[in-house]
């Protein structure tokens, strides 16, 4: 893939990550009203509580995802998701190009 195509694909994936993040949190059960019953989030919370002796650790994965689900994704988190998505797309495109250009002996 040429550099322009790689940049366009990376940008598109970055935008997709930014748009999808809030929906993905809600889809697995981290909602504005709290953790949805019988959801993946509820199962995660149960496992975390059992492993922590009955409580959820402040700053842990479940607590952080619930905060994002309840309050929405901040501008910094949105920018980070976009940057990570774009970087991953660029790395993937570069790897694909390297593999395509390798000659088998």
Protein backbone atom coordinates (compact mmCIF):
# COMPACT_ATOMS: atom_id res chain seq x y z
CA UNK A 1 0.00 0.00 0.00
CA UNK A 2 1.39 3.42 -0.83
CA UNK A 3 1.85 6.00 1.99
CA UNK A 4 -1.21 8.05 1.02
CA UNK A 5 -3.49 5.02 1.07
CA UNK A 6 -1.99 3.95 4.40
CA UNK A 7 -2.68 7.40 5.85
CA UNK A 8 -6.26 7.42 4.57
CA UNK A 9 -6.95 3.93 5.92
CA UNK A 10 -5.35 4.84 9.26
CA UNK A 11 -7.43 7.99 9.52
CA UNK A 12 -10.63 6.15 8.69
CA UNK A 13 -9.98 3.49 11.32
CA UNK A 14 -9.11 6.20 13.86
CA UNK A 15 -12.40 7.99 13.20
CA UNK A 16 -14.23 4.67 13.43
CA UNK A 17 -12.66 3.98 16.84
CA UNK A 18 -13.69 7.41 18.11
CA UNK A 19 -17.29 6.99 16.93
CA UNK A 20 -17.62 3.39 18.10
CA UNK A 21 -16.18 3.74 21.63
CA UNK A 22 -19.32 5.01 23.41
CA UNK A 23 -21.54 2.52 21.60
CA UNK A 24 -19.21 -0.37 22.42
CA UNK A 25 -19.30 0.50 26.13
CA UNK A 26 -23.10 0.56 26.12
CA UNK A 27 -23.31 -2.64 24.11
CA UNK A 28 -21.36 -4.61 26.71
CA UNK A 29 -23.36 -3.14 29.59
CA UNK A 30 -21.57 -0.02 30.85
CA UNK A 31 -24.48 2.44 30.62
CA UNK A 32 -25.32 5.88 31.99
CA UNK A 33 -27.72 4.23 34.45
CA UNK A 34 -25.06 1.82 35.74
CA UNK A 35 -24.00 -1.70 34.89
CA UNK A 36 -26.79 -3.53 33.04
CA UNK A 37 -28.02 -6.77 34.58
CA UNK A 38 -26.98 -10.02 32.87
CA UNK A 39 -24.48 -8.19 30.64
CA UNK A 40 -20.80 -8.75 29.95
CA UNK A 41 -20.15 -5.79 32.25
CA UNK A 42 -22.08 -7.50 35.06
CA UNK A 43 -20.01 -10.65 34.62
CA UNK A 44 -16.81 -8.58 34.63
CA UNK A 45 -17.94 -6.83 37.81
CA UNK A 46 -18.72 -10.17 39.47
CA UNK A 47 -15.30 -11.61 38.64
CA UNK A 48 -13.55 -8.44 39.81
CA UNK A 49 -15.50 -8.38 43.08
CA UNK A 50 -14.77 -12.04 43.81
CA UNK A 51 -11.07 -11.64 43.07
CA UNK A 52 -10.87 -8.50 45.24
CA UNK A 53 -12.58 -10.03 48.27
CA UNK A 54 -16.02 -8.53 47.63
CA UNK A 55 -15.29 -5.03 46.36
CA UNK A 56 -14.38 -3.32 43.11
CA UNK A 57 -10.94 -1.71 43.08
CA UNK A 58 -10.96 2.04 42.45
CA UNK A 59 -9.11 2.77 39.24
CA UNK A 60 -9.45 -0.82 38.04
CA UNK A 61 -10.70 -1.85 34.61
CA UNK A 62 -14.34 -2.30 35.67
CA UNK A 63 -14.43 0.97 37.61
CA UNK A 64 -12.82 2.88 34.74
CA UNK A 65 -15.16 1.44 32.10
CA UNK A 66 -18.17 2.18 34.29
CA UNK A 67 -17.02 5.77 34.73
CA UNK A 68 -16.67 6.12 30.96
CA UNK A 69 -20.08 4.52 30.41
CA UNK A 70 -21.79 6.74 32.97
CA UNK A 71 -20.15 10.06 32.12
CA UNK A 72 -19.34 9.55 28.47
CA UNK A 73 -15.95 9.43 26.86
CA UNK A 74 -13.83 12.54 27.47
CA UNK A 75 -12.11 14.50 24.76
CA UNK A 76 -8.72 13.12 25.79
CA UNK A 77 -9.99 9.53 25.71
CA UNK A 78 -11.60 10.17 22.35
CA UNK A 79 -8.34 11.54 20.96
CA UNK A 80 -6.41 8.60 22.41
CA UNK A 81 -8.81 6.08 20.83
CA UNK A 82 -8.46 7.82 17.49
CA UNK A 83 -4.69 7.93 17.71
CA UNK A 84 -4.41 4.29 18.74
CA UNK A 85 -6.77 3.23 15.96
CA UNK A 86 -4.84 5.20 13.36
CA UNK A 87 -1.48 3.89 14.60
CA UNK A 88 -2.73 0.30 14.58
CA UNK A 89 -4.01 0.72 11.03
CA UNK A 90 -0.69 2.18 9.90
CA UNK A 91 1.29 -0.64 11.49
CA UNK A 92 -1.05 -3.23 9.99
CA UNK A 93 -0.80 -1.68 6.53
CA UNK A 94 2.99 -1.52 6.74
CA UNK A 95 3.18 -5.15 7.87
CA UNK A 96 0.89 -6.22 5.05
CA UNK A 97 3.08 -4.40 2.56
CA UNK A 98 6.24 -6.01 3.92
CA UNK A 99 4.65 -9.45 3.71
CA UNK A 100 3.43 -8.80 0.18
CA UNK A 101 6.93 -7.75 -0.93
CA UNK A 102 8.73 -10.73 0.61
CA UNK A 103 9.94 -13.37 -1.77
CA UNK A 104 9.68 -16.98 -0.74
CA UNK A 105 12.83 -19.03 -1.37
